């Protein structure tokens, strides 16, 4: 990933840092999921703070941040997971526009609350586009590869104006608990009465096996009244699948477009940002509509 002119040089890529934008909506019929930033509100907020359009490409980090050196001056903003931010070793603000000078290094540290931080740069991050998006889809491999040390990223021309604020009001990521709003799914009637009651009142823990594809939940089994073989059906963002052992999976941005387990519920879109920021061990409950 090489840019010309104004560039970002990756010094420390972190556990998983990818380029994400608004994703690839409208291609599910071709087997291509939406992908894009998991925490869409944080992604849009970071872009607005630096004067970009809300859907422009940014960097999405995972848990332990990223370190970036800039070859030219830029305006940056860090939102999403709360994490320490430093410029050349000096503390800097979170969720506010920050000037970074030529040769300076931006360091986003380990998240202290939430999972994914978003680093926006005025002008956007320039990487190749695939099917209309610069997002990395970790399931299919579409889009630019996750960042590696030494990678160079281009910075686009900055035509906007950054937001003149000291701190943008921002709902904090979940801290230990998260309540997700659910709508009944197309196979909600496959649940037994006991299973439906468990879904409404149970508590689950986010598994360390969770990723950009799905949030895996560990907890009380959700019983089904039907155990038929189900032909593969379409899956949308936020689909909650009931597994044969009674476990639950919440599909996120890089989900497959079809699946063979019943979708018993669907997460309300505004609750998906909480899924993006739910750390392993977070206790999840549901509120059914």
Protein backbone atom coordinates (compact mmCIF):
# COMPACT_ATOMS: atom_id res chain seq x y z
CA UNK A 1 0.00 0.00 0.00
CA UNK A 2 2.00 2.94 -1.26
CA UNK A 3 0.92 6.52 -1.73
CA UNK A 4 2.71 9.48 -3.31
CA UNK A 5 3.14 12.99 -1.94
CA UNK A 6 1.61 13.19 1.53
CA UNK A 7 2.04 9.82 3.20
CA UNK A 8 1.52 7.90 6.40
CA UNK A 9 4.22 5.38 7.34
CA UNK A 10 3.08 2.56 9.62
CA UNK A 11 5.52 2.13 12.52
CA UNK A 12 3.40 -0.25 14.63
CA UNK A 13 0.35 -1.87 13.00
CA UNK A 14 -1.27 -3.25 16.17
CA UNK A 15 -3.10 -6.56 16.45
CA UNK A 16 -5.43 -5.81 13.53
CA UNK A 17 -5.64 -2.41 11.87
CA UNK A 18 -7.58 -2.21 8.62
CA UNK A 19 -8.83 0.47 6.28
CA UNK A 20 -12.61 0.84 6.51
CA UNK A 21 -15.14 3.15 4.88
CA UNK A 22 -18.89 3.01 4.30
CA UNK A 23 -18.62 -0.52 2.88
CA UNK A 24 -20.16 -2.29 -0.11
CA UNK A 25 -23.94 -2.09 0.33
CA UNK A 26 -26.21 -3.59 -2.30
CA UNK A 27 -24.01 -6.51 -3.39
CA UNK A 28 -25.36 -9.31 -1.18
CA UNK A 29 -27.03 -10.92 -4.23
CA UNK A 30 -23.49 -11.44 -5.57
CA UNK A 31 -22.33 -12.99 -2.30
CA UNK A 32 -20.51 -9.84 -1.17
CA UNK A 33 -21.37 -8.55 2.33
CA UNK A 34 -21.43 -4.88 3.23
CA UNK A 35 -18.20 -4.85 5.28
CA UNK A 36 -17.11 -1.30 6.28
CA UNK A 37 -16.56 0.22 9.71
CA UNK A 38 -18.10 -1.84 12.52
CA UNK A 39 -18.85 1.19 14.70
CA UNK A 40 -20.51 3.35 12.09
CA UNK A 41 -21.23 6.28 14.38
CA UNK A 42 -17.59 6.47 15.51
CA UNK A 43 -16.41 6.21 11.90
CA UNK A 44 -18.66 9.07 10.77
CA UNK A 45 -17.75 11.21 13.80
CA UNK A 46 -14.02 10.85 13.19
CA UNK A 47 -14.46 11.94 9.59
CA UNK A 48 -16.62 14.92 10.49
CA UNK A 49 -14.07 16.12 13.05
CA UNK A 50 -11.40 16.43 10.34
CA UNK A 51 -13.70 17.87 7.68
CA UNK A 52 -14.21 14.70 5.60
CA UNK A 53 -17.42 13.27 4.20
CA UNK A 54 -18.83 10.79 6.77
CA UNK A 55 -18.12 7.65 4.71
CA UNK A 56 -14.49 8.29 3.74
CA UNK A 57 -11.78 5.67 4.46
CA UNK A 58 -10.25 5.66 7.95
CA UNK A 59 -8.14 3.24 9.97
CA UNK A 60 -9.95 0.84 12.31
CA UNK A 61 -7.75 -0.53 15.11
CA UNK A 62 -8.39 -3.51 17.37
CA UNK A 63 -7.68 -3.30 21.12
CA UNK A 64 -4.02 -2.20 21.07
CA UNK A 65 -4.05 0.78 18.70
CA UNK A 66 -1.51 1.81 16.07
CA UNK A 67 1.55 4.03 15.56
CA UNK A 68 1.81 6.22 12.44
CA UNK A 69 4.43 8.68 11.19
CA UNK A 70 3.32 11.50 8.88
CA UNK A 71 5.56 12.82 6.09
CA UNK A 72 3.49 16.02 5.81
CA UNK A 73 1.24 18.04 8.07
CA UNK A 74 -2.31 16.77 8.53
CA UNK A 75 -5.37 17.00 10.77
CA UNK A 76 -6.35 13.75 12.50
CA UNK A 77 -9.02 12.57 14.95
CA UNK A 78 -9.36 9.42 17.05
CA UNK A 79 -12.81 8.17 18.10
CA UNK A 80 -14.46 4.85 19.01
CA UNK A 81 -12.73 2.87 21.73
CA UNK A 82 -11.31 5.15 24.41
CA UNK A 83 -7.51 4.98 24.24
CA UNK A 84 -4.51 7.17 25.12
CA UNK A 85 -3.41 9.36 22.22
CA UNK A 86 0.09 10.85 21.89
CA UNK A 87 1.84 12.96 19.26
CA UNK A 88 5.62 12.60 19.46
CA UNK A 89 5.18 11.28 22.99
CA UNK A 90 3.06 14.19 24.22
CA UNK A 91 -0.53 13.50 25.38
CA UNK A 92 -3.16 14.60 22.86
CA UNK A 93 -6.94 14.70 22.83
CA UNK A 94 -9.40 11.92 22.02
CA UNK A 95 -12.49 12.67 19.91
CA UNK A 96 -11.20 16.06 18.79
CA UNK A 97 -9.30 17.39 15.74
CA UNK A 98 -5.53 17.29 16.20
CA UNK A 99 -2.83 18.89 14.03
CA UNK A 100 0.09 16.58 13.25
CA UNK A 101 3.23 18.08 11.74
CA UNK A 102 5.55 16.68 9.07
CA UNK A 103 7.78 14.01 10.60
CA UNK A 104 5.64 13.62 13.71
CA UNK A 105 4.28 10.32 15.02
CA UNK A 106 0.72 9.69 16.16
CA UNK A 107 0.43 6.90 18.72
CA UNK A 108 -2.94 5.38 19.63
CA UNK A 109 -2.45 3.13 22.64
CA UNK A 110 -4.29 0.16 24.09
CA UNK A 111 -8.04 0.67 24.42
CA UNK A 112 -9.17 1.21 28.00
CA UNK A 113 -12.85 1.01 27.08
CA UNK A 114 -14.25 -0.57 23.94
CA UNK A 115 -12.44 -2.53 21.22
CA UNK A 116 -12.06 -0.51 18.02
CA UNK A 117 -10.65 2.99 17.62
CA UNK A 118 -11.03 4.99 14.40
CA UNK A 119 -8.26 7.21 13.06
CA UNK A 120 -9.44 9.72 10.45
CA UNK A 121 -7.09 11.96 8.46
CA UNK A 122 -8.19 15.12 6.71
CA UNK A 123 -8.42 14.18 3.02
CA UNK A 124 -8.93 10.50 3.78
CA UNK A 125 -6.64 7.48 3.52
CA UNK A 126 -5.81 6.63 -0.10
CA UNK A 127 -5.80 2.91 -0.89
CA UNK A 128 -7.10 0.90 -3.87
CA UNK A 129 -10.86 0.46 -4.13
CA UNK A 130 -12.48 -2.93 -4.78
CA UNK A 131 -16.14 -3.08 -5.85
CA UNK A 132 -16.60 0.56 -4.93
CA UNK A 133 -15.07 0.41 -1.47
CA UNK A 134 -11.67 0.60 0.22
CA UNK A 135 -12.82 -1.57 3.14
CA UNK A 136 -11.07 -4.76 4.16
CA UNK A 137 -13.42 -7.76 4.39
CA UNK A 138 -11.65 -10.26 6.63
CA UNK A 139 -13.93 -13.15 5.60
CA UNK A 140 -13.56 -12.91 1.82
CA UNK A 141 -10.21 -11.13 1.69
CA UNK A 142 -11.57 -8.28 -0.42
CA UNK A 143 -9.91 -4.90 -0.04
CA UNK A 144 -6.44 -3.83 1.10
CA UNK A 145 -4.58 -6.15 3.46
CA UNK A 146 -4.39 -5.34 7.18
CA UNK A 147 -1.62 -2.89 7.98
CA UNK A 148 1.92 -4.15 8.45
CA UNK A 149 4.99 -2.35 9.77
CA UNK A 150 6.59 -0.27 7.04
CA UNK A 151 3.43 0.11 4.94
CA UNK A 152 2.93 3.52 3.36
CA UNK A 153 -0.53 4.99 2.85
CA UNK A 154 -1.37 8.01 0.75
CA UNK A 155 -3.36 10.95 2.11
CA UNK A 156 -5.97 12.59 -0.12
CA UNK A 157 -6.33 16.29 -0.82
CA UNK A 158 -8.14 17.99 2.04
CA UNK A 159 -10.92 20.26 0.79
CA UNK A 160 -13.04 20.41 3.95
CA UNK A 161 -12.69 22.27 7.23
CA UNK A 162 -12.14 20.51 10.53
CA UNK A 163 -14.67 21.03 13.30
CA UNK A 164 -13.53 23.81 15.70
CA UNK A 165 -14.38 22.04 18.97
CA UNK A 166 -12.37 21.08 22.04
CA UNK A 167 -14.25 17.79 22.47
CA UNK A 168 -17.14 16.26 20.53
CA UNK A 169 -19.93 14.89 22.80
CA UNK A 170 -19.80 11.15 22.44
CA UNK A 171 -21.56 8.12 23.96
CA UNK A 172 -18.92 5.95 25.59
CA UNK A 173 -18.48 2.32 24.47
CA UNK A 174 -19.90 -0.44 26.68
CA UNK A 175 -18.07 -0.94 29.95
CA UNK A 176 -18.80 -4.45 31.17
CA UNK A 177 -22.44 -4.66 30.05
CA UNK A 178 -24.39 -4.04 26.85
CA UNK A 179 -28.11 -4.15 26.16
CA UNK A 180 -29.00 -4.82 22.53
CA UNK A 181 -32.42 -4.10 21.04
CA UNK A 182 -33.76 -7.04 19.00
CA UNK A 183 -36.50 -7.50 16.44
CA UNK A 184 -38.01 -10.95 15.81
CA UNK A 185 -36.22 -12.77 13.01
CA UNK A 186 -37.74 -14.80 10.15
CA UNK A 187 -37.33 -18.03 12.18
CA UNK A 188 -38.34 -16.69 15.58
CA UNK A 189 -41.19 -19.22 15.57
CA UNK A 190 -38.61 -22.03 15.67
CA UNK A 191 -37.96 -21.18 19.32
CA UNK A 192 -39.79 -23.05 22.04
CA UNK A 193 -41.69 -21.02 24.63
CA UNK A 194 -38.78 -21.62 27.01
CA UNK A 195 -36.30 -20.55 24.33
CA UNK A 196 -38.18 -17.32 23.64
CA UNK A 197 -38.26 -16.59 27.37
CA UNK A 198 -34.52 -17.21 27.65
CA UNK A 199 -33.82 -14.89 24.71
CA UNK A 200 -35.82 -12.14 26.41
CA UNK A 201 -34.39 -12.52 29.91
CA UNK A 202 -31.02 -14.28 29.62
CA UNK A 203 -27.49 -12.94 30.00
CA UNK A 204 -24.57 -13.93 27.77
CA UNK A 205 -20.85 -13.26 27.75
CA UNK A 206 -18.92 -12.13 24.68
CA UNK A 207 -16.48 -14.85 23.64
CA UNK A 208 -12.81 -14.13 22.78
CA UNK A 209 -13.56 -15.89 19.47
CA UNK A 210 -15.55 -12.84 18.32
CA UNK A 211 -14.26 -10.84 15.35
CA UNK A 212 -15.44 -8.62 12.48
CA UNK A 213 -17.52 -11.51 11.13
CA UNK A 214 -19.57 -12.25 14.23
CA UNK A 215 -20.02 -11.70 17.93
CA UNK A 216 -20.08 -15.10 19.64
CA UNK A 217 -22.09 -15.29 22.85
CA UNK A 218 -21.64 -17.81 25.66
CA UNK A 219 -24.48 -18.39 28.10
CA UNK A 220 -27.78 -20.17 28.65
CA UNK A 221 -28.85 -22.34 25.71
CA UNK A 222 -31.80 -20.97 23.73
CA UNK A 223 -34.04 -23.96 23.13
CA UNK A 224 -35.75 -24.58 19.81
CA UNK A 225 -38.99 -26.41 19.17
CA UNK A 226 -37.86 -27.36 15.66
CA UNK A 227 -34.60 -29.04 14.65
CA UNK A 228 -35.26 -29.56 10.93
CA UNK A 229 -32.58 -29.19 8.31
CA UNK A 230 -32.85 -25.64 6.98
CA UNK A 231 -31.71 -24.76 3.44
CA UNK A 232 -29.31 -21.83 3.38
CA UNK A 233 -31.09 -18.50 3.64
CA UNK A 234 -30.03 -14.90 3.26
CA UNK A 235 -28.35 -13.21 6.24
CA UNK A 236 -28.44 -9.50 6.94
CA UNK A 237 -26.24 -7.37 9.18
CA UNK A 238 -27.21 -8.01 12.81
CA UNK A 239 -28.77 -11.44 12.23
CA UNK A 240 -28.85 -13.58 15.39
CA UNK A 241 -28.44 -17.26 14.56
CA UNK A 242 -29.52 -20.05 16.89
CA UNK A 243 -26.91 -22.83 16.79
CA UNK A 244 -27.72 -26.54 17.33
CA UNK A 245 -26.27 -26.46 20.86
CA UNK A 246 -28.45 -23.48 21.79
CA UNK A 247 -25.65 -20.95 21.41
CA UNK A 248 -26.06 -17.57 19.71
CA UNK A 249 -24.05 -15.75 17.06
CA UNK A 250 -24.62 -12.09 16.10
CA UNK A 251 -23.39 -11.40 12.58
CA UNK A 252 -21.42 -8.20 12.00
CA UNK A 253 -20.16 -6.33 8.92
CA UNK A 254 -18.04 -9.12 7.37
CA UNK A 255 -20.74 -11.79 7.75
CA UNK A 256 -21.45 -14.39 5.05
CA UNK A 257 -24.47 -13.54 2.93
CA UNK A 258 -26.19 -16.91 3.48
CA UNK A 259 -26.35 -19.43 6.31
CA UNK A 260 -28.05 -22.67 7.27
CA UNK A 261 -28.97 -22.05 10.91
CA UNK A 262 -32.24 -20.29 11.78
CA UNK A 263 -32.13 -16.52 12.26
CA UNK A 264 -34.34 -16.06 15.32
CA UNK A 265 -33.78 -12.32 15.77
CA UNK A 266 -32.11 -9.28 14.21
CA UNK A 267 -30.25 -6.58 16.13
CA UNK A 268 -31.72 -3.10 15.75
CA UNK A 269 -29.21 -1.05 13.67
CA UNK A 270 -28.43 1.55 16.39
CA UNK A 271 -27.37 -1.30 18.72
CA UNK A 272 -24.77 -2.60 16.27
CA UNK A 273 -22.20 0.00 17.36
CA UNK A 274 -22.31 -1.51 20.86
CA UNK A 275 -21.57 -4.92 19.29
CA UNK A 276 -18.50 -3.42 17.62
CA UNK A 277 -17.17 -2.19 20.98
CA UNK A 278 -18.12 -5.16 23.21
CA UNK A 279 -14.91 -6.62 24.63
CA UNK A 280 -14.53 -10.32 25.46
CA UNK A 281 -16.22 -10.86 28.81
CA UNK A 282 -18.84 -8.14 28.27
CA UNK A 283 -22.24 -9.27 29.59
CA UNK A 284 -24.91 -8.94 26.90
CA UNK A 285 -28.67 -8.83 27.38
CA UNK A 286 -31.48 -8.28 24.90
CA UNK A 287 -34.54 -6.05 24.82
CA UNK A 288 -37.12 -7.39 22.36
CA UNK A 289 -39.29 -5.09 20.33
